[in-house]
Amino acid sequence: MEFGGMYARVWDPMWAGVKADDPDMPKIREAVNAANFNFGPTVVLTAPNEEGVIGFHSRRDIMLHPVCPDNVPFVKAVLDSFFDAKELVRSNYQQINAKQMEAQKNRRPVGFTTNTQE
């Protein structure tokens, strides 16, 4: 956590990683972008490290006011929301992957057939 006055930035660092050359990277990025449209933690992807791994991190900015009686349940809800963000990325990826697999399955082959009996 980083603090600045009444504000705090909460990080959930490196909860997942993927190789930069993973063929599913476009679908992963799409899943992360879709998850980031929701309210709550923002999923951040880092640049690849020396091993070529892109790290997944989440962050959320909150305000903690000293006279607010609900700070404790609020912080608990914020921390719980990090689990929701991870699950949302995973479910978005599964939906995107399923749609692409269904689209490939329904494609008609390109080409032509020949009549071998004539």
C-alpha atoms as a PDB file:
ATOM      1  CA  MET A   1       0.000   0.000   0.000  1.00  0.00           C
ATOM      2  CA  GLU A   2       1.103   3.520  -0.721  1.00  0.00           C
ATOM      3  CA  PHE A   3      -0.313   6.382   1.350  1.00  0.00           C
ATOM      4  CA  GLY A   4      -0.718  10.066   0.562  1.00  0.00           C
ATOM      5  CA  GLY A   5      -2.802  11.982   3.050  1.00  0.00           C
ATOM      6  CA  MET A   6      -6.276  10.466   3.173  1.00  0.00           C
ATOM      7  CA  TYR A   7      -5.632   8.452   0.015  1.00  0.00           C
ATOM      8  CA  ALA A   8      -4.178   5.001  -0.359  1.00  0.00           C
ATOM      9  CA  ARG A   9      -3.133   3.051  -3.427  1.00  0.00           C
ATOM     10  CA  VAL A  10      -3.550  -0.671  -2.872  1.00  0.00           C
ATOM     11  CA  TRP A  11      -1.514  -3.069  -5.044  1.00  0.00           C
ATOM     12  CA  ASP A  12      -1.840  -6.808  -5.556  1.00  0.00           C
ATOM     13  CA  PRO A  13       1.504  -7.459  -7.246  1.00  0.00           C
ATOM     14  CA  MET A  14       2.385 -10.225  -9.709  1.00  0.00           C
ATOM     15  CA  TRP A  15      -0.599 -12.506  -9.225  1.00  0.00           C
ATOM     16  CA  ALA A  16      -0.068 -14.094 -12.620  1.00  0.00           C
ATOM     17  CA  GLY A  17       2.357 -14.097 -15.500  1.00  0.00           C
ATOM     18  CA  VAL A  18       2.413 -15.109 -19.134  1.00  0.00           C
ATOM     19  CA  LYS A  19       5.168 -15.339 -21.716  1.00  0.00           C
ATOM     20  CA  ALA A  20       5.144 -12.383 -24.084  1.00  0.00           C
ATOM     21  CA  ASP A  21       5.230 -14.734 -27.090  1.00  0.00           C
ATOM     22  CA  ASP A  22       2.237 -16.784 -25.908  1.00  0.00           C
ATOM     23  CA  PRO A  23      -0.090 -17.252 -28.904  1.00  0.00           C
ATOM     24  CA  ASP A  24      -3.079 -16.458 -26.657  1.00  0.00           C
ATOM     25  CA  MET A  25      -1.723 -13.018 -25.737  1.00  0.00           C
ATOM     26  CA  PRO A  26      -4.254 -11.109 -27.897  1.00  0.00           C
ATOM     27  CA  LYS A  27      -7.127 -12.910 -26.140  1.00  0.00           C
ATOM     28  CA  ILE A  28      -5.517 -12.269 -22.743  1.00  0.00           C
ATOM     29  CA  ARG A  29      -5.200  -8.550 -23.459  1.00  0.00           C
ATOM     30  CA  GLU A  30      -8.816  -8.434 -24.612  1.00  0.00           C
ATOM     31  CA  ALA A  31      -9.923 -10.170 -21.391  1.00  0.00           C
ATOM     32  CA  VAL A  32      -7.921  -7.719 -19.266  1.00  0.00           C
ATOM     33  CA  ASN A  33      -9.310  -4.716 -21.153  1.00  0.00           C
ATOM     34  CA  ALA A  34     -12.875  -5.986 -20.687  1.00  0.00           C
ATOM     35  CA  ALA A  35     -12.259  -6.499 -16.954  1.00  0.00           C
ATOM     36  CA  ASN A  36     -10.907  -2.964 -16.632  1.00  0.00           C
ATOM     37  CA  PHE A  37     -14.247  -1.520 -17.786  1.00  0.00           C
ATOM     38  CA  ASN A  38     -15.757  -2.556 -14.449  1.00  0.00           C
ATOM     39  CA  PHE A  39     -15.588  -0.589 -11.242  1.00  0.00           C
ATOM     40  CA  GLY A  40     -12.919  -1.785  -8.850  1.00  0.00           C
ATOM     41  CA  PRO A  41      -9.284  -2.750  -9.195  1.00  0.00           C
ATOM     42  CA  THR A  42      -7.504  -2.016 -12.452  1.00  0.00           C
ATOM     43  CA  VAL A  43      -5.471  -4.874 -13.911  1.00  0.00           C
ATOM     44  CA  VAL A  44      -2.041  -3.708 -15.040  1.00  0.00           C
ATOM     45  CA  LEU A  45       0.257  -5.666 -17.363  1.00  0.00           C
ATOM     46  CA  THR A  46       3.979  -4.981 -17.142  1.00  0.00           C
ATOM     47  CA  ALA A  47       6.540  -4.978 -19.901  1.00  0.00           C
ATOM     48  CA  PRO A  48       8.213  -8.382 -20.317  1.00  0.00           C
ATOM     49  CA  ASN A  49      11.032  -9.085 -17.866  1.00  0.00           C
ATOM     50  CA  GLU A  50      14.412 -10.664 -18.728  1.00  0.00           C
ATOM     51  CA  GLU A  51      12.741 -14.082 -19.120  1.00  0.00           C
ATOM     52  CA  GLY A  52      10.036 -12.628 -21.383  1.00  0.00           C
ATOM     53  CA  VAL A  53       7.273 -12.881 -18.769  1.00  0.00           C
ATOM     54  CA  ILE A  54       4.552 -10.236 -18.613  1.00  0.00           C
ATOM     55  CA  GLY A  55       3.340  -9.744 -15.043  1.00  0.00           C
ATOM     56  CA  PHE A  56      -0.271  -9.239 -13.983  1.00  0.00           C
ATOM     57  CA  HIS A  57      -0.835  -6.769 -11.149  1.00  0.00           C
ATOM     58  CA  SER A  58      -3.935  -5.071  -9.792  1.00  0.00           C
ATOM     59  CA  ARG A  59      -4.276  -1.677  -8.150  1.00  0.00           C
ATOM     60  CA  ARG A  60      -7.019   0.430  -6.674  1.00  0.00           C
ATOM     61  CA  ASP A  61      -7.043   3.935  -5.241  1.00  0.00           C
ATOM     62  CA  ILE A  62      -9.215   4.582  -2.206  1.00  0.00           C
ATOM     63  CA  MET A  63      -9.893   7.370   0.248  1.00  0.00           C
ATOM     64  CA  LEU A  64      -9.790   6.722   3.987  1.00  0.00           C
ATOM     65  CA  HIS A  65     -11.264   9.534   6.044  1.00  0.00           C
ATOM     66  CA  PRO A  66     -10.479   9.456   9.776  1.00  0.00           C
ATOM     67  CA  VAL A  67     -14.047  10.281  10.816  1.00  0.00           C
ATOM     68  CA  CYS A  68     -15.684   7.681   8.567  1.00  0.00           C
ATOM     69  CA  PRO A  69     -17.126   4.946  10.799  1.00  0.00           C
ATOM     70  CA  ASP A  70     -17.089   2.399   7.962  1.00  0.00           C
ATOM     71  CA  ASN A  71     -13.371   2.403   7.104  1.00  0.00           C
ATOM     72  CA  VAL A  72     -12.812  -1.166   8.361  1.00  0.00           C
ATOM     73  CA  PRO A  73     -15.614  -2.814   6.342  1.00  0.00           C
ATOM     74  CA  PHE A  74     -14.745  -0.562   3.393  1.00  0.00           C
ATOM     75  CA  VAL A  75     -11.108  -1.705   3.336  1.00  0.00           C
ATOM     76  CA  LYS A  76     -12.228  -5.329   3.664  1.00  0.00           C
ATOM     77  CA  ALA A  77     -14.573  -4.897   0.689  1.00  0.00           C
ATOM     78  CA  VAL A  78     -11.780  -3.256  -1.327  1.00  0.00           C
ATOM     79  CA  LEU A  79      -9.384  -6.124  -0.582  1.00  0.00           C
ATOM     80  CA  ASP A  80     -12.064  -8.679  -1.473  1.00  0.00           C
ATOM     81  CA  SER A  81     -12.617  -6.896  -4.790  1.00  0.00           C
ATOM     82  CA  PHE A  82      -9.123  -7.928  -5.912  1.00  0.00           C
ATOM     83  CA  PHE A  83     -10.301 -11.553  -6.017  1.00  0.00           C
ATOM     84  CA  ASP A  84     -13.270 -10.487  -8.139  1.00  0.00           C
ATOM     85  CA  ALA A  85     -10.969  -8.744 -10.631  1.00  0.00           C
ATOM     86  CA  LYS A  86      -8.867 -11.890 -11.081  1.00  0.00           C
ATOM     87  CA  GLU A  87     -11.969 -14.012 -11.575  1.00  0.00           C
ATOM     88  CA  LEU A  88     -13.317 -11.520 -14.098  1.00  0.00           C
ATOM     89  CA  VAL A  89     -10.136 -11.692 -16.192  1.00  0.00           C
ATOM     90  CA  ARG A  90     -10.308 -15.496 -16.114  1.00  0.00           C
ATOM     91  CA  SER A  91     -13.995 -15.679 -17.061  1.00  0.00           C
ATOM     92  CA  ASN A  92     -13.580 -13.040 -19.804  1.00  0.00           C
ATOM     93  CA  TYR A  93     -10.710 -15.062 -21.278  1.00  0.00           C
ATOM     94  CA  GLN A  94     -12.779 -18.251 -21.215  1.00  0.00           C
ATOM     95  CA  GLN A  95     -15.690 -16.511 -22.969  1.00  0.00           C
ATOM     96  CA  ILE A  96     -13.435 -15.001 -25.636  1.00  0.00           C
ATOM     97  CA  ASN A  97     -11.704 -18.338 -26.191  1.00  0.00           C
ATOM     98  CA  ALA A  98     -15.031 -20.215 -26.432  1.00  0.00           C
ATOM     99  CA  LYS A  99     -16.403 -17.706 -28.970  1.00  0.00           C
ATOM    100  CA  GLN A 100     -13.295 -17.992 -31.131  1.00  0.00           C
ATOM    101  CA  MET A 101     -13.345 -21.799 -30.995  1.00  0.00           C
ATOM    102  CA  GLU A 102     -17.049 -21.830 -31.927  1.00  0.00           C
ATOM    103  CA  ALA A 103     -16.396 -19.467 -34.841  1.00  0.00           C
ATOM    104  CA  GLN A 104     -13.605 -21.723 -36.123  1.00  0.00           C
ATOM    105  CA  LYS A 105     -15.787 -24.808 -35.757  1.00  0.00           C
ATOM    106  CA  ASN A 106     -18.555 -23.230 -37.841  1.00  0.00           C
ATOM    107  CA  ARG A 107     -16.252 -22.137 -40.672  1.00  0.00           C
ATOM    108  CA  ARG A 108     -16.811 -23.771 -43.987  1.00  0.00           C
ATOM    109  CA  PRO A 109     -13.727 -25.193 -45.672  1.00  0.00           C
ATOM    110  CA  VAL A 110     -12.307 -23.146 -48.504  1.00  0.00           C
ATOM    111  CA  GLY A 111     -11.731 -24.953 -51.757  1.00  0.00           C
ATOM    112  CA  PHE A 112     -13.628 -27.184 -54.080  1.00  0.00           C
ATOM    113  CA  THR A 113     -14.374 -30.855 -54.568  1.00  0.00           C
ATOM    114  CA  THR A 114     -13.854 -32.917 -57.658  1.00  0.00           C
ATOM    115  CA  ASN A 115     -16.032 -35.623 -58.998  1.00  0.00           C
ATOM    116  CA  THR A 116     -13.814 -38.690 -59.023  1.00  0.00           C
ATOM    117  CA  GLN A 117     -16.418 -41.005 -60.605  1.00  0.00           C
ATOM    118  CA  GLU A 118     -16.343 -39.455 -64.073  1.00  0.00           C
END
